[in-house]
Amino acid sequence: MAPVTNGGLWSDKPHVVLEEPFWDEGTRTATTRYFIIDAGAGETTRYASSYQAYTPQEYVATLERVGFARVRLLEGVGGAPPFPGMMGFLAERP
């Protein structure tokens, strides 16, 4: 069972947070559903957040489309845990 939190982001009251992540390959969307259970009343509130995934080439194209020049992909910026797959971009603003 998940530990009870005395208060925080989701509620000022004691609560339990359960997370349920999903990946949709067709839309390249990551969604996480959050179930916040009030520890006293037992009531559940549900929230969700979704993020669209892009390829490195799509990020470069987007940066160029909005006016950045000499856009370069910097792979392996994180290098080690906890961000081994992190990437960055270097670009000039004209």
PDB file of N, CA and C in Angstrom:
ATOM      1  N   MET A   1       0.841  -1.193   0.000  1.00  0.00           N
ATOM      2  CA  MET A   1       0.000   0.000   0.000  1.00  0.00           C
ATOM      3  C   MET A   1       0.880   1.248   0.000  1.00  0.00           C
ATOM      4  N   ALA A   2       0.405   2.259  -0.662  1.00  0.00           N
ATOM      5  CA  ALA A   2       1.142   3.519  -0.735  1.00  0.00           C
ATOM      6  C   ALA A   2       1.089   4.230   0.614  1.00  0.00           C
ATOM      7  N   PRO A   3       2.153   4.923   0.985  1.00  0.00           N
ATOM      8  CA  PRO A   3       2.160   5.636   2.270  1.00  0.00           C
ATOM      9  C   PRO A   3       1.227   6.848   2.250  1.00  0.00           C
ATOM     10  N   VAL A   4       0.721   7.184   3.415  1.00  0.00           N
ATOM     11  CA  VAL A   4      -0.132   8.361   3.568  1.00  0.00           C
ATOM     12  C   VAL A   4       0.758   9.587   3.714  1.00  0.00           C
ATOM     13  N   THR A   5       0.443  10.624   2.956  1.00  0.00           N
ATOM     14  CA  THR A   5       1.144  11.899   3.031  1.00  0.00           C
ATOM     15  C   THR A   5       0.298  12.855   3.865  1.00  0.00           C
ATOM     16  N   ASN A   6       0.906  13.576   4.775  1.00  0.00           N
ATOM     17  CA  ASN A   6       0.149  14.466   5.666  1.00  0.00           C
ATOM     18  C   ASN A   6      -0.373  15.719   4.976  1.00  0.00           C
ATOM     19  N   GLY A   7       0.149  16.066   3.857  1.00  0.00           N
ATOM     20  CA  GLY A   7      -0.275  17.251   3.110  1.00  0.00           C
ATOM     21  C   GLY A   7       0.763  17.525   2.046  1.00  0.00           C
ATOM     22  N   GLY A   8       0.343  18.162   0.979  1.00  0.00           N
ATOM     23  CA  GLY A   8       1.298  18.442  -0.082  1.00  0.00           C
ATOM     24  C   GLY A   8       0.616  18.966  -1.315  1.00  0.00           C
ATOM     25  N   LEU A   9       1.190  18.653  -2.454  1.00  0.00           N
ATOM     26  CA  LEU A   9       0.733  19.168  -3.736  1.00  0.00           C
ATOM     27  C   LEU A   9      -0.748  18.901  -3.994  1.00  0.00           C
ATOM     28  N   TRP A  10      -1.207  17.695  -3.745  1.00  0.00           N
ATOM     29  CA  TRP A  10      -2.549  17.297  -4.129  1.00  0.00           C
ATOM     30  C   TRP A  10      -3.626  17.664  -3.117  1.00  0.00           C
ATOM     31  N   SER A  11      -3.251  17.797  -1.838  1.00  0.00           N
ATOM     32  CA  SER A  11      -4.239  18.087  -0.801  1.00  0.00           C
ATOM     33  C   SER A  11      -3.539  18.576   0.462  1.00  0.00           C
ATOM     34  N   ASP A  12      -4.220  19.428   1.203  1.00  0.00           N
ATOM     35  CA  ASP A  12      -3.688  19.877   2.489  1.00  0.00           C
ATOM     36  C   ASP A  12      -3.938  18.843   3.582  1.00  0.00           C
ATOM     37  N   LYS A  13      -4.837  17.906   3.312  1.00  0.00           N
ATOM     38  CA  LYS A  13      -5.205  16.872   4.277  1.00  0.00           C
ATOM     39  C   LYS A  13      -4.353  15.622   4.051  1.00  0.00           C
ATOM     40  N   PRO A  14      -4.307  14.721   5.042  1.00  0.00           N
ATOM     41  CA  PRO A  14      -3.629  13.439   4.820  1.00  0.00           C
ATOM     42  C   PRO A  14      -4.266  12.694   3.642  1.00  0.00           C
ATOM     43  N   HIS A  15      -3.421  12.171   2.756  1.00  0.00           N
ATOM     44  CA  HIS A  15      -3.934  11.513   1.556  1.00  0.00           C
ATOM     45  C   HIS A  15      -2.935  10.489   1.022  1.00  0.00           C
ATOM     46  N   VAL A  16      -3.428   9.655   0.128  1.00  0.00           N
ATOM     47  CA  VAL A  16      -2.609   8.663  -0.568  1.00  0.00           C
ATOM     48  C   VAL A  16      -2.652   9.024  -2.048  1.00  0.00           C
ATOM     49  N   VAL A  17      -1.507   8.933  -2.718  1.00  0.00           N
ATOM     50  CA  VAL A  17      -1.429   9.218  -4.158  1.00  0.00           C
ATOM     51  C   VAL A  17      -1.084   7.930  -4.892  1.00  0.00           C
ATOM     52  N   LEU A  18      -1.935   7.548  -5.826  1.00  0.00           N
ATOM     53  CA  LEU A  18      -1.664   6.414  -6.703  1.00  0.00           C
ATOM     54  C   LEU A  18      -1.478   6.955  -8.111  1.00  0.00           C
ATOM     55  N   GLU A  19      -0.471   6.447  -8.821  1.00  0.00           N
ATOM     56  CA  GLU A  19      -0.193   6.893 -10.190  1.00  0.00           C
ATOM     57  C   GLU A  19      -0.357   5.734 -11.150  1.00  0.00           C
ATOM     58  N   GLU A  20      -0.891   6.040 -12.337  1.00  0.00           N
ATOM     59  CA  GLU A  20      -1.085   5.031 -13.372  1.00  0.00           C
ATOM     60  C   GLU A  20      -0.595   5.614 -14.703  1.00  0.00           C
ATOM     61  N   PRO A  21       0.615   5.238 -15.151  1.00  0.00           N
ATOM     62  CA  PRO A  21       1.154   5.797 -16.395  1.00  0.00           C
ATOM     63  C   PRO A  21       0.743   4.972 -17.622  1.00  0.00           C
ATOM     64  N   PHE A  22       0.606   5.652 -18.756  1.00  0.00           N
ATOM     65  CA  PHE A  22       0.270   5.025 -20.029  1.00  0.00           C
ATOM     66  C   PHE A  22       1.136   5.620 -21.127  1.00  0.00           C
ATOM     67  N   TRP A  23       1.431   4.832 -22.150  1.00  0.00           N
ATOM     68  CA  TRP A  23       2.099   5.315 -23.355  1.00  0.00           C
ATOM     69  C   TRP A  23       1.241   4.917 -24.537  1.00  0.00           C
ATOM     70  N   ASP A  24       0.913   5.874 -25.407  1.00  0.00           N
ATOM     71  CA  ASP A  24       0.152   5.605 -26.620  1.00  0.00           C
ATOM     72  C   ASP A  24       1.087   5.802 -27.800  1.00  0.00           C
ATOM     73  N   GLU A  25       1.514   4.707 -28.384  1.00  0.00           N
ATOM     74  CA  GLU A  25       2.474   4.753 -29.495  1.00  0.00           C
ATOM     75  C   GLU A  25       1.895   5.483 -30.704  1.00  0.00           C
ATOM     76  N   GLY A  26       0.597   5.298 -30.955  1.00  0.00           N
ATOM     77  CA  GLY A  26      -0.034   5.919 -32.119  1.00  0.00           C
ATOM     78  C   GLY A  26       0.012   7.435 -32.098  1.00  0.00           C
ATOM     79  N   THR A  27      -0.197   8.021 -30.937  1.00  0.00           N
ATOM     80  CA  THR A  27      -0.182   9.479 -30.822  1.00  0.00           C
ATOM     81  C   THR A  27       1.103   9.991 -30.183  1.00  0.00           C
ATOM     82  N   ARG A  28       1.995   9.070 -29.798  1.00  0.00           N
ATOM     83  CA  ARG A  28       3.241   9.392 -29.099  1.00  0.00           C
ATOM     84  C   ARG A  28       2.958  10.312 -27.905  1.00  0.00           C
ATOM     85  N   THR A  29       2.039   9.848 -27.082  1.00  0.00           N
ATOM     86  CA  THR A  29       1.613  10.615 -25.924  1.00  0.00           C
ATOM     87  C   THR A  29       1.798   9.807 -24.651  1.00  0.00           C
ATOM     88  N   ALA A  30       2.435  10.426 -23.656  1.00  0.00           N
ATOM     89  CA  ALA A  30       2.567   9.817 -22.332  1.00  0.00           C
ATOM     90  C   ALA A  30       1.534  10.482 -21.422  1.00  0.00           C
ATOM     91  N   THR A  31       0.738   9.671 -20.773  1.00  0.00           N
ATOM     92  CA  THR A  31      -0.277  10.177 -19.858  1.00  0.00           C
ATOM     93  C   THR A  31      -0.100   9.508 -18.506  1.00  0.00           C
ATOM     94  N   THR A  32      -0.225  10.285 -17.457  1.00  0.00           N
ATOM     95  CA  THR A  32      -0.232   9.736 -16.106  1.00  0.00           C
ATOM     96  C   THR A  32      -1.516  10.162 -15.435  1.00  0.00           C
ATOM     97  N   ARG A  33      -2.240   9.180 -14.908  1.00  0.00           N
ATOM     98  CA  ARG A  33      -3.427   9.473 -14.117  1.00  0.00           C
ATOM     99  C   ARG A  33      -3.036   9.403 -12.650  1.00  0.00           C
ATOM    100  N   TYR A  34      -3.529  10.359 -11.878  1.00  0.00           N
ATOM    101  CA  TYR A  34      -3.257  10.426 -10.442  1.00  0.00           C
ATOM    102  C   TYR A  34      -4.574  10.239  -9.698  1.00  0.00           C
ATOM    103  N   PHE A  35      -4.586   9.319  -8.758  1.00  0.00           N
ATOM    104  CA  PHE A  35      -5.750   9.083  -7.923  1.00  0.00           C
ATOM    105  C   PHE A  35      -5.378   9.527  -6.512  1.00  0.00           C
ATOM    106  N   ILE A  36      -6.054  10.555  -6.020  1.00  0.00           N
ATOM    107  CA  ILE A  36      -5.763  11.127  -4.711  1.00  0.00           C
ATOM    108  C   ILE A  36      -6.863  10.659  -3.766  1.00  0.00           C
ATOM    109  N   ILE A  37      -6.480   9.861  -2.792  1.00  0.00           N
ATOM    110  CA  ILE A  37      -7.452   9.291  -1.860  1.00  0.00           C
ATOM    111  C   ILE A  37      -7.334  10.012  -0.525  1.00  0.00           C
ATOM    112  N   ASP A  38      -8.411  10.669  -0.128  1.00  0.00           N
ATOM    113  CA  ASP A  38      -8.463  11.365   1.157  1.00  0.00           C
ATOM    114  C   ASP A  38      -8.396  10.305   2.250  1.00  0.00           C
ATOM    115  N   ALA A  39      -7.375  10.367   3.099  1.00  0.00           N
ATOM    116  CA  ALA A  39      -7.153   9.335   4.116  1.00  0.00           C
ATOM    117  C   ALA A  39      -8.260   9.305   5.159  1.00  0.00           C
ATOM    118  N   GLY A  40      -8.919  10.429   5.417  1.00  0.00           N
ATOM    119  CA  GLY A  40      -9.971  10.462   6.425  1.00  0.00           C
ATOM    120  C   GLY A  40     -11.325  10.072   5.869  1.00  0.00           C
ATOM    121  N   ALA A  41     -11.704  10.676   4.761  1.00  0.00           N
ATOM    122  CA  ALA A  41     -13.035  10.464   4.191  1.00  0.00           C
ATOM    123  C   ALA A  41     -13.086   9.294   3.222  1.00  0.00           C
ATOM    124  N   GLY A  42     -11.931   8.886   2.693  1.00  0.00           N
ATOM    125  CA  GLY A  42     -11.899   7.810   1.715  1.00  0.00           C
ATOM    126  C   GLY A  42     -12.363   8.227   0.334  1.00  0.00           C
ATOM    127  N   GLU A  43     -12.564   9.508   0.109  1.00  0.00           N
ATOM    128  CA  GLU A  43     -12.997  10.006  -1.203  1.00  0.00           C
ATOM    129  C   GLU A  43     -11.806  10.080  -2.155  1.00  0.00           C
ATOM    130  N   THR A  44     -12.069   9.803  -3.417  1.00  0.00           N
ATOM    131  CA  THR A  44     -11.013   9.801  -4.423  1.00  0.00           C
ATOM    132  C   THR A  44     -11.243  10.912  -5.442  1.00  0.00           C
ATOM    133  N   THR A  45     -10.179  11.651  -5.732  1.00  0.00           N
ATOM    134  CA  THR A  45     -10.189  12.669  -6.779  1.00  0.00           C
ATOM    135  C   THR A  45      -9.184  12.233  -7.832  1.00  0.00           C
ATOM    136  N   ARG A  46      -9.539  12.403  -9.094  1.00  0.00           N
ATOM    137  CA  ARG A  46      -8.676  11.965 -10.176  1.00  0.00           C
ATOM    138  C   ARG A  46      -8.178  13.164 -10.978  1.00  0.00           C
ATOM    139  N   TYR A  47      -6.881  13.143 -11.277  1.00  0.00           N
ATOM    140  CA  TYR A  47      -6.251  14.144 -12.129  1.00  0.00           C
ATOM    141  C   TYR A  47      -5.464  13.401 -13.210  1.00  0.00           C
ATOM    142  N   ALA A  48      -5.096  14.103 -14.257  1.00  0.00           N
ATOM    143  CA  ALA A  48      -4.273  13.492 -15.300  1.00  0.00           C
ATOM    144  C   ALA A  48      -3.385  14.555 -15.930  1.00  0.00           C
ATOM    145  N   SER A  49      -2.240  14.111 -16.432  1.00  0.00           N
ATOM    146  CA  SER A  49      -1.370  14.990 -17.202  1.00  0.00           C
ATOM    147  C   SER A  49      -0.884  14.210 -18.413  1.00  0.00           C
ATOM    148  N   SER A  50      -0.774  14.898 -19.547  1.00  0.00           N
ATOM    149  CA  SER A  50      -0.326  14.265 -20.785  1.00  0.00           C
ATOM    150  C   SER A  50       0.788  15.077 -21.409  1.00  0.00           C
ATOM    151  N   TYR A  51       1.705  14.374 -22.038  1.00  0.00           N
ATOM    152  CA  TYR A  51       2.847  15.000 -22.702  1.00  0.00           C
ATOM    153  C   TYR A  51       3.005  14.397 -24.086  1.00  0.00           C
ATOM    154  N   GLN A  52       3.222  15.257 -25.055  1.00  0.00           N
ATOM    155  CA  GLN A  52       3.447  14.824 -26.427  1.00  0.00           C
ATOM    156  C   GLN A  52       4.938  14.579 -26.632  1.00  0.00           C
ATOM    157  N   ALA A  53       5.286  13.473 -27.246  1.00  0.00           N
ATOM    158  CA  ALA A  53       6.687  13.169 -27.530  1.00  0.00           C
ATOM    159  C   ALA A  53       7.048  13.616 -28.946  1.00  0.00           C
ATOM    160  N   TYR A  54       8.271  14.089 -29.110  1.00  0.00           N
ATOM    161  CA  TYR A  54       8.775  14.521 -30.412  1.00  0.00           C
ATOM    162  C   TYR A  54      10.140  13.897 -30.644  1.00  0.00           C
ATOM    163  N   THR A  55      10.494  13.715 -31.894  1.00  0.00           N
ATOM    164  CA  THR A  55      11.830  13.228 -32.228  1.00  0.00           C
ATOM    165  C   THR A  55      12.798  14.402 -32.141  1.00  0.00           C
ATOM    166  N   PRO A  56      14.094  14.118 -32.005  1.00  0.00           N
ATOM    167  CA  PRO A  56      15.065  15.214 -32.011  1.00  0.00           C
ATOM    168  C   PRO A  56      14.956  16.073 -33.277  1.00  0.00           C
ATOM    169  N   GLN A  57      14.701  15.449 -34.418  1.00  0.00           N
ATOM    170  CA  GLN A  57      14.585  16.189 -35.671  1.00  0.00           C
ATOM    171  C   GLN A  57      13.364  17.108 -35.660  1.00  0.00           C
ATOM    172  N   GLU A  58      12.281  16.674 -35.021  1.00  0.00           N
ATOM    173  CA  GLU A  58      11.096  17.527 -34.919  1.00  0.00           C
ATOM    174  C   GLU A  58      11.364  18.739 -34.025  1.00  0.00           C
ATOM    175  N   TYR A  59      12.130  18.553 -32.956  1.00  0.00           N
ATOM    176  CA  TYR A  59      12.503  19.694 -32.110  1.00  0.00           C
ATOM    177  C   TYR A  59      13.344  20.694 -32.903  1.00  0.00           C
ATOM    178  N   VAL A  60      14.328  20.201 -33.655  1.00  0.00           N
ATOM    179  CA  VAL A  60      15.182  21.081 -34.463  1.00  0.00           C
ATOM    180  C   VAL A  60      14.329  21.854 -35.464  1.00  0.00           C
ATOM    181  N   ALA A  61      13.430  21.156 -36.155  1.00  0.00           N
ATOM    182  CA  ALA A  61      12.572  21.813 -37.147  1.00  0.00           C
ATOM    183  C   ALA A  61      11.694  22.871 -36.493  1.00  0.00           C
ATOM    184  N   THR A  62      11.186  22.605 -35.326  1.00  0.00           N
ATOM    185  CA  THR A  62      10.338  23.573 -34.617  1.00  0.00           C
ATOM    186  C   THR A  62      11.138  24.809 -34.222  1.00  0.00           C
ATOM    187  N   LEU A  63      12.343  24.614 -33.702  1.00  0.00           N
ATOM    188  CA  LEU A  63      13.186  25.751 -33.325  1.00  0.00           C
ATOM    189  C   LEU A  63      13.529  26.607 -34.545  1.00  0.00           C
ATOM    190  N   GLU A  64      13.818  25.949 -35.665  1.00  0.00           N
ATOM    191  CA  GLU A  64      14.123  26.694 -36.889  1.00  0.00           C
ATOM    192  C   GLU A  64      12.884  27.429 -37.406  1.00  0.00           C
ATOM    193  N   ARG A  65      11.728  26.784 -37.312  1.00  0.00           N
ATOM    194  CA  ARG A  65      10.488  27.389 -37.811  1.00  0.00           C
ATOM    195  C   ARG A  65      10.133  28.670 -37.035  1.00  0.00           C
ATOM    196  N   VAL A  66      10.500  28.742 -35.756  1.00  0.00           N
ATOM    197  CA  VAL A  66      10.175  29.940 -34.967  1.00  0.00           C
ATOM    198  C   VAL A  66      11.308  30.958 -34.976  1.00  0.00           C
ATOM    199  N   GLY A  67      12.316  30.736 -35.828  1.00  0.00           N
ATOM    200  CA  GLY A  67      13.312  31.769 -36.052  1.00  0.00           C
ATOM    201  C   GLY A  67      14.704  31.547 -35.508  1.00  0.00           C
ATOM    202  N   PHE A  68      14.962  30.430 -34.855  1.00  0.00           N
ATOM    203  CA  PHE A  68      16.319  30.177 -34.377  1.00  0.00           C
ATOM    204  C   PHE A  68      17.195  29.700 -35.527  1.00  0.00           C
ATOM    205  N   ALA A  69      18.481  30.023 -35.461  1.00  0.00           N
ATOM    206  CA  ALA A  69      19.425  29.656 -36.508  1.00  0.00           C
ATOM    207  C   ALA A  69      20.495  28.733 -35.935  1.00  0.00           C
ATOM    208  N   ARG A  70      21.170  28.017 -36.812  1.00  0.00           N
ATOM    209  CA  ARG A  70      22.269  27.127 -36.433  1.00  0.00           C
ATOM    210  C   ARG A  70      21.892  26.226 -35.256  1.00  0.00           C
ATOM    211  N   VAL A  71      20.759  25.592 -35.372  1.00  0.00           N
ATOM    212  CA  VAL A  71      20.271  24.719 -34.303  1.00  0.00           C
ATOM    213  C   VAL A  71      21.084  23.427 -34.317  1.00  0.00           C
ATOM    214  N   ARG A  72      21.604  23.079 -33.150  1.00  0.00           N
ATOM    215  CA  ARG A  72      22.406  21.857 -33.000  1.00  0.00           C
ATOM    216  C   ARG A  72      21.839  21.015 -31.876  1.00  0.00           C
ATOM    217  N   LEU A  73      21.764  19.712 -32.122  1.00  0.00           N
ATOM    218  CA  LEU A  73      21.341  18.769 -31.105  1.00  0.00           C
ATOM    219  C   LEU A  73      22.549  18.356 -30.282  1.00  0.00           C
ATOM    220  N   LEU A  74      22.433  18.429 -28.973  1.00  0.00           N
ATOM    221  CA  LEU A  74      23.495  17.994 -28.062  1.00  0.00           C
ATOM    222  C   LEU A  74      22.994  16.739 -27.361  1.00  0.00           C
ATOM    223  N   GLU A  75      23.414  15.584 -27.841  1.00  0.00           N
ATOM    224  CA  GLU A  75      22.948  14.327 -27.258  1.00  0.00           C
ATOM    225  C   GLU A  75      23.755  13.979 -26.013  1.00  0.00           C
ATOM    226  N   GLY A  76      23.131  13.234 -25.120  1.00  0.00           N
ATOM    227  CA  GLY A  76      23.824  12.755 -23.936  1.00  0.00           C
ATOM    228  C   GLY A  76      24.205  13.840 -22.960  1.00  0.00           C
ATOM    229  N   VAL A  77      23.430  14.931 -22.900  1.00  0.00           N
ATOM    230  CA  VAL A  77      23.734  16.032 -21.997  1.00  0.00           C
ATOM    231  C   VAL A  77      23.761  15.541 -20.558  1.00  0.00           C
ATOM    232  N   GLY A  78      22.816  14.671 -20.205  1.00  0.00           N
ATOM    233  CA  GLY A  78      22.748  14.164 -18.840  1.00  0.00           C
ATOM    234  C   GLY A  78      23.851  13.178 -18.543  1.00  0.00           C
ATOM    235  N   GLY A  79      24.174  12.350 -19.530  1.00  0.00           N
ATOM    236  CA  GLY A  79      25.280  11.414 -19.414  1.00  0.00           C
ATOM    237  C   GLY A  79      25.098  10.290 -18.425  1.00  0.00           C
ATOM    238  N   ALA A  80      24.730  10.585 -17.218  1.00  0.00           N
ATOM    239  CA  ALA A  80      24.632   9.561 -16.178  1.00  0.00           C
ATOM    240  C   ALA A  80      23.275   9.684 -15.482  1.00  0.00           C
ATOM    241  N   PRO A  81      22.929   8.648 -14.732  1.00  0.00           N
ATOM    242  CA  PRO A  81      21.653   8.711 -14.010  1.00  0.00           C
ATOM    243  C   PRO A  81      21.566   9.986 -13.186  1.00  0.00           C
ATOM    244  N   PRO A  82      20.409  10.586 -13.015  1.00  0.00           N
ATOM    245  CA  PRO A  82      19.115  10.026 -13.385  1.00  0.00           C
ATOM    246  C   PRO A  82      18.636  10.407 -14.781  1.00  0.00           C
ATOM    247  N   PHE A  83      19.460  11.031 -15.611  1.00  0.00           N
ATOM    248  CA  PHE A  83      19.022  11.484 -16.932  1.00  0.00           C
ATOM    249  C   PHE A  83      19.915  10.969 -18.059  1.00  0.00           C
ATOM    250  N   PRO A  84      20.085   9.659 -18.209  1.00  0.00           N
ATOM    251  CA  PRO A  84      21.016   9.158 -19.220  1.00  0.00           C
ATOM    252  C   PRO A  84      20.610   9.465 -20.657  1.00  0.00           C
ATOM    253  N   GLY A  85      19.314   9.619 -20.939  1.00  0.00           N
ATOM    254  CA  GLY A  85      18.883   9.881 -22.301  1.00  0.00           C
ATOM    255  C   GLY A  85      18.599  11.343 -22.580  1.00  0.00           C
ATOM    256  N   MET A  86      18.979  12.228 -21.681  1.00  0.00           N
ATOM    257  CA  MET A  86      18.661  13.644 -21.846  1.00  0.00           C
ATOM    258  C   MET A  86      19.415  14.238 -23.025  1.00  0.00           C
ATOM    259  N   MET A  87      18.746  15.150 -23.725  1.00  0.00           N
ATOM    260  CA  MET A  87      19.387  15.856 -24.826  1.00  0.00           C
ATOM    261  C   MET A  87      19.161  17.344 -24.646  1.00  0.00           C
ATOM    262  N   GLY A  88      19.952  18.112 -25.322  1.00  0.00           N
ATOM    263  CA  GLY A  88      19.809  19.561 -25.279  1.00  0.00           C
ATOM    264  C   GLY A  88      19.961  20.113 -26.681  1.00  0.00           C
ATOM    265  N   PHE A  89      19.714  21.391 -26.813  1.00  0.00           N
ATOM    266  CA  PHE A  89      19.839  22.045 -28.111  1.00  0.00           C
ATOM    267  C   PHE A  89      20.608  23.345 -27.943  1.00  0.00           C
ATOM    268  N   LEU A  90      21.428  23.650 -28.917  1.00  0.00           N
ATOM    269  CA  LEU A  90      22.172  24.893 -28.939  1.00  0.00           C
ATOM    270  C   LEU A  90      21.712  25.621 -30.198  1.00  0.00           C
ATOM    271  N   ALA A  91      21.288  26.868 -30.061  1.00  0.00           N
ATOM    272  CA  ALA A  91      20.768  27.611 -31.211  1.00  0.00           C
ATOM    273  C   ALA A  91      21.095  29.099 -31.035  1.00  0.00           C
ATOM    274  N   GLU A  92      21.124  29.797 -32.148  1.00  0.00           N
ATOM    275  CA  GLU A  92      21.364  31.232 -32.124  1.00  0.00           C
ATOM    276  C   GLU A  92      20.053  31.965 -32.416  1.00  0.00           C
ATOM    277  N   ARG A  93      19.892  33.054 -31.703  1.00  0.00           N
ATOM    278  CA  ARG A  93      18.748  33.900 -31.941  1.00  0.00           C
ATOM    279  C   ARG A  93      19.238  35.074 -32.793  1.00  0.00           C
ATOM    280  N   PRO A  94      18.725  35.197 -34.031  1.00  0.00           N
ATOM    281  CA  PRO A  94      19.200  36.269 -34.921  1.00  0.00           C
ATOM    282  C   PRO A  94      18.880  37.654 -34.380  1.00  0.00           C
TER     283      PRO A  94
END
